Amino acid sequence: MCNLETEGTKFGCGHYKVTRKLKKIDCFNQYCIHSVQHPRNCPDCHCDRYFGPDARETITHRTADYCVSCQYWFKDGACQRR
């Protein structure tokens, strides 16, 4: 699996959101669709389509706010049923 080097925002909940992809690190695997070794005419392609974990995450902005996914559950509308 190929990996990315990214820049992004670190939220108060601990999540990291990519704001910019800087560089792709090639795995040189013929079964990875993002690699230069993957054949262009791969018949009935069932090769890896996803990137691996980021090789490097550079934090360009920190915020005490929660990310959109966590905000609902921990800050706004998640209330215990009565």
N, C-alpha and C. Protein backbone atom coordinates (compact mmCIF):
# COMPACT_ATOMS: atom_id res chain seq x y z
N MET A 1 0.83 -1.18 0.00
CA MET A 1 0.00 0.00 0.00
C MET A 1 0.87 1.24 0.00
N CYS A 2 0.53 2.17 -0.83
CA CYS A 2 1.22 3.45 -0.85
C CYS A 2 0.76 4.28 0.34
N ASN A 3 1.57 5.25 0.72
CA ASN A 3 1.27 6.12 1.86
C ASN A 3 1.37 7.58 1.43
N LEU A 4 0.84 8.46 2.25
CA LEU A 4 0.90 9.90 1.98
C LEU A 4 1.61 10.64 3.10
N GLU A 5 2.21 11.76 2.74
CA GLU A 5 2.67 12.74 3.72
C GLU A 5 1.67 13.89 3.62
N THR A 6 1.11 14.30 4.78
CA THR A 6 0.03 15.28 4.76
C THR A 6 0.25 16.41 5.75
N GLU A 7 -0.52 17.48 5.54
CA GLU A 7 -0.66 18.57 6.50
C GLU A 7 -2.11 18.60 6.92
N GLY A 8 -2.37 19.02 8.18
CA GLY A 8 -3.76 19.04 8.61
C GLY A 8 -3.98 19.71 9.95
N THR A 9 -5.22 19.61 10.41
CA THR A 9 -5.68 20.22 11.66
C THR A 9 -5.84 19.15 12.72
N LYS A 10 -5.37 19.42 13.93
CA LYS A 10 -5.53 18.52 15.07
C LYS A 10 -6.61 19.11 15.97
N PHE A 11 -7.65 18.34 16.22
CA PHE A 11 -8.79 18.80 17.00
C PHE A 11 -8.66 18.42 18.47
N GLY A 12 -9.45 19.06 19.31
CA GLY A 12 -9.44 18.82 20.74
C GLY A 12 -9.83 17.40 21.10
N CYS A 13 -10.59 16.73 20.24
CA CYS A 13 -11.01 15.34 20.48
C CYS A 13 -9.90 14.35 20.15
N GLY A 14 -8.82 14.84 19.52
CA GLY A 14 -7.70 13.98 19.17
C GLY A 14 -7.65 13.60 17.70
N HIS A 15 -8.73 13.85 16.95
CA HIS A 15 -8.73 13.50 15.53
C HIS A 15 -7.88 14.47 14.73
N TYR A 16 -7.40 13.99 13.61
CA TYR A 16 -6.57 14.76 12.67
C TYR A 16 -7.29 14.77 11.33
N LYS A 17 -7.47 15.96 10.75
CA LYS A 17 -8.13 16.08 9.45
C LYS A 17 -7.15 16.65 8.44
N VAL A 18 -6.96 15.92 7.35
CA VAL A 18 -6.04 16.33 6.29
C VAL A 18 -6.58 17.57 5.59
N THR A 19 -5.72 18.59 5.44
CA THR A 19 -6.10 19.77 4.67
C THR A 19 -5.31 19.85 3.37
N ARG A 20 -4.16 19.15 3.34
CA ARG A 20 -3.35 19.15 2.12
C ARG A 20 -2.50 17.89 2.04
N LYS A 21 -2.49 17.27 0.87
CA LYS A 21 -1.64 16.10 0.63
C LYS A 21 -0.35 16.61 -0.01
N LEU A 22 0.77 16.32 0.63
CA LEU A 22 2.05 16.84 0.17
C LEU A 22 2.77 15.92 -0.81
N LYS A 23 2.79 14.64 -0.49
CA LYS A 23 3.62 13.72 -1.26
C LYS A 23 3.09 12.30 -1.12
N LYS A 24 3.19 11.54 -2.22
CA LYS A 24 2.84 10.12 -2.17
C LYS A 24 4.13 9.32 -2.08
N ILE A 25 4.14 8.34 -1.19
CA ILE A 25 5.29 7.44 -1.06
C ILE A 25 4.88 6.12 -1.71
N ASP A 26 5.54 5.79 -2.80
CA ASP A 26 5.19 4.61 -3.59
C ASP A 26 5.68 3.33 -2.93
N CYS A 27 4.82 2.31 -2.91
CA CYS A 27 5.19 1.01 -2.34
C CYS A 27 5.82 0.09 -3.38
N PHE A 28 5.74 0.47 -4.65
CA PHE A 28 6.28 -0.30 -5.77
C PHE A 28 5.73 -1.72 -5.82
N ASN A 29 4.44 -1.86 -5.52
CA ASN A 29 3.78 -3.16 -5.54
C ASN A 29 2.84 -3.19 -6.74
N GLN A 30 2.93 -4.22 -7.55
CA GLN A 30 2.10 -4.33 -8.75
C GLN A 30 0.62 -4.51 -8.43
N TYR A 31 0.30 -4.89 -7.19
CA TYR A 31 -1.09 -5.09 -6.79
C TYR A 31 -1.69 -3.88 -6.09
N CYS A 32 -1.00 -2.77 -6.09
CA CYS A 32 -1.50 -1.51 -5.51
C CYS A 32 -1.84 -0.57 -6.66
N ILE A 33 -3.08 -0.14 -6.73
CA ILE A 33 -3.56 0.67 -7.85
C ILE A 33 -2.88 2.05 -7.92
N HIS A 34 -2.32 2.53 -6.81
CA HIS A 34 -1.68 3.85 -6.77
C HIS A 34 -0.19 3.79 -7.12
N SER A 35 0.37 2.60 -7.24
CA SER A 35 1.80 2.44 -7.49
C SER A 35 2.13 2.59 -8.98
N VAL A 36 3.35 3.03 -9.24
CA VAL A 36 3.80 3.11 -10.63
C VAL A 36 4.00 1.72 -11.22
N GLN A 37 4.13 0.70 -10.39
CA GLN A 37 4.31 -0.68 -10.85
C GLN A 37 2.99 -1.36 -11.25
N HIS A 38 1.87 -0.75 -10.92
CA HIS A 38 0.57 -1.34 -11.27
C HIS A 38 0.35 -1.23 -12.77
N PRO A 39 0.02 -2.33 -13.45
CA PRO A 39 -0.19 -2.27 -14.90
C PRO A 39 -1.41 -1.44 -15.27
N ARG A 40 -1.27 -0.64 -16.30
CA ARG A 40 -2.38 0.23 -16.75
C ARG A 40 -3.58 -0.58 -17.24
N ASN A 41 -3.33 -1.71 -17.84
CA ASN A 41 -4.41 -2.53 -18.39
C ASN A 41 -4.67 -3.75 -17.51
N CYS A 42 -4.78 -3.54 -16.21
CA CYS A 42 -5.01 -4.64 -15.27
C CYS A 42 -6.42 -5.19 -15.49
N PRO A 43 -6.55 -6.44 -16.00
CA PRO A 43 -7.87 -6.99 -16.30
C PRO A 43 -8.66 -7.31 -15.03
N ASP A 44 -9.91 -6.88 -15.01
CA ASP A 44 -10.81 -7.16 -13.88
C ASP A 44 -10.12 -6.85 -12.55
N CYS A 45 -9.65 -5.63 -12.43
CA CYS A 45 -8.76 -5.19 -11.34
C CYS A 45 -9.41 -5.29 -9.95
N HIS A 46 -8.81 -6.12 -9.10
CA HIS A 46 -9.22 -6.26 -7.70
C HIS A 46 -8.06 -5.88 -6.78
N CYS A 47 -7.20 -5.01 -7.26
CA CYS A 47 -6.00 -4.62 -6.53
C CYS A 47 -6.34 -3.66 -5.39
N ASP A 48 -5.37 -3.46 -4.47
CA ASP A 48 -5.55 -2.54 -3.34
C ASP A 48 -5.88 -1.14 -3.87
N ARG A 49 -6.96 -0.56 -3.35
CA ARG A 49 -7.40 0.76 -3.80
C ARG A 49 -7.23 1.86 -2.75
N TYR A 50 -6.78 1.49 -1.58
CA TYR A 50 -6.70 2.45 -0.49
C TYR A 50 -5.25 2.71 -0.09
N PHE A 51 -5.01 3.91 0.39
CA PHE A 51 -3.69 4.25 0.91
C PHE A 51 -3.55 3.67 2.31
N GLY A 52 -2.32 3.40 2.71
CA GLY A 52 -2.03 2.99 4.08
C GLY A 52 -2.07 4.20 4.99
N PRO A 53 -1.73 4.02 6.26
CA PRO A 53 -1.72 5.16 7.18
C PRO A 53 -0.72 6.21 6.71
N ASP A 54 -0.99 7.46 7.06
CA ASP A 54 -0.08 8.54 6.65
C ASP A 54 1.32 8.27 7.17
N ALA A 55 2.30 8.45 6.30
CA ALA A 55 3.69 8.26 6.69
C ALA A 55 4.13 9.39 7.61
N ARG A 56 3.60 10.59 7.36
CA ARG A 56 3.92 11.74 8.21
C ARG A 56 2.73 12.68 8.21
N GLU A 57 2.31 13.09 9.40
CA GLU A 57 1.22 14.06 9.57
C GLU A 57 1.81 15.32 10.19
N THR A 58 1.84 16.40 9.42
CA THR A 58 2.34 17.67 9.92
C THR A 58 1.14 18.51 10.36
N ILE A 59 1.11 18.87 11.64
CA ILE A 59 -0.01 19.65 12.17
C ILE A 59 0.25 21.12 11.88
N THR A 60 -0.64 21.72 11.08
CA THR A 60 -0.51 23.14 10.73
C THR A 60 -1.42 24.03 11.57
N HIS A 61 -2.41 23.41 12.21
CA HIS A 61 -3.35 24.18 13.05
C HIS A 61 -3.87 23.28 14.16
N ARG A 62 -3.92 23.81 15.38
CA ARG A 62 -4.51 23.10 16.53
C ARG A 62 -5.72 23.89 17.00
N THR A 63 -6.76 23.16 17.37
CA THR A 63 -7.95 23.81 17.89
C THR A 63 -8.49 22.99 19.06
N ALA A 64 -9.08 23.68 20.02
CA ALA A 64 -9.69 23.00 21.17
C ALA A 64 -11.07 22.45 20.81
N ASP A 65 -11.62 22.91 19.69
CA ASP A 65 -12.93 22.43 19.23
C ASP A 65 -12.86 20.96 18.85
N TYR A 66 -14.01 20.30 18.90
CA TYR A 66 -14.11 18.92 18.45
C TYR A 66 -14.36 18.89 16.95
N CYS A 67 -13.98 17.80 16.30
CA CYS A 67 -14.25 17.64 14.88
C CYS A 67 -15.76 17.48 14.68
N VAL A 68 -16.21 17.55 13.45
CA VAL A 68 -17.64 17.48 13.14
C VAL A 68 -18.25 16.16 13.62
N SER A 69 -17.53 15.07 13.46
CA SER A 69 -18.06 13.76 13.87
C SER A 69 -18.24 13.66 15.38
N CYS A 70 -17.31 14.18 16.14
CA CYS A 70 -17.37 14.09 17.60
C CYS A 70 -18.24 15.16 18.23
N GLN A 71 -18.41 16.27 17.55
CA GLN A 71 -19.16 17.39 18.13
C GLN A 71 -20.57 16.98 18.52
N TYR A 72 -21.24 16.23 17.67
CA TYR A 72 -22.60 15.79 17.97
C TYR A 72 -22.63 14.92 19.23
N TRP A 73 -21.72 13.95 19.28
CA TRP A 73 -21.76 12.96 20.37
C TRP A 73 -21.31 13.51 21.71
N PHE A 74 -20.38 14.43 21.69
CA PHE A 74 -19.80 14.87 22.96
C PHE A 74 -20.14 16.30 23.36
N LYS A 75 -20.66 17.10 22.45
CA LYS A 75 -20.90 18.50 22.77
C LYS A 75 -22.37 18.89 22.61
N ASP A 76 -22.96 18.56 21.47
CA ASP A 76 -24.27 19.13 21.13
C ASP A 76 -25.46 18.29 21.52
N GLY A 77 -25.89 17.42 20.62
CA GLY A 77 -27.20 16.84 20.70
C GLY A 77 -27.35 15.48 21.34
N ALA A 78 -26.29 14.84 21.71
CA ALA A 78 -26.42 13.50 22.26
C ALA A 78 -26.91 13.59 23.72
N CYS A 79 -28.16 13.27 23.91
CA CYS A 79 -28.74 13.32 25.25
C CYS A 79 -29.19 11.91 25.64
N GLN A 80 -29.10 11.62 26.91
CA GLN A 80 -29.53 10.31 27.39
C GLN A 80 -31.05 10.24 27.34
N ARG A 81 -31.56 9.11 26.86
CA ARG A 81 -33.01 8.93 26.81
C ARG A 81 -33.59 8.80 28.21
N ARG A 82 -34.79 9.31 28.38
CA ARG A 82 -35.44 9.24 29.69
C ARG A 82 -36.53 8.22 29.68
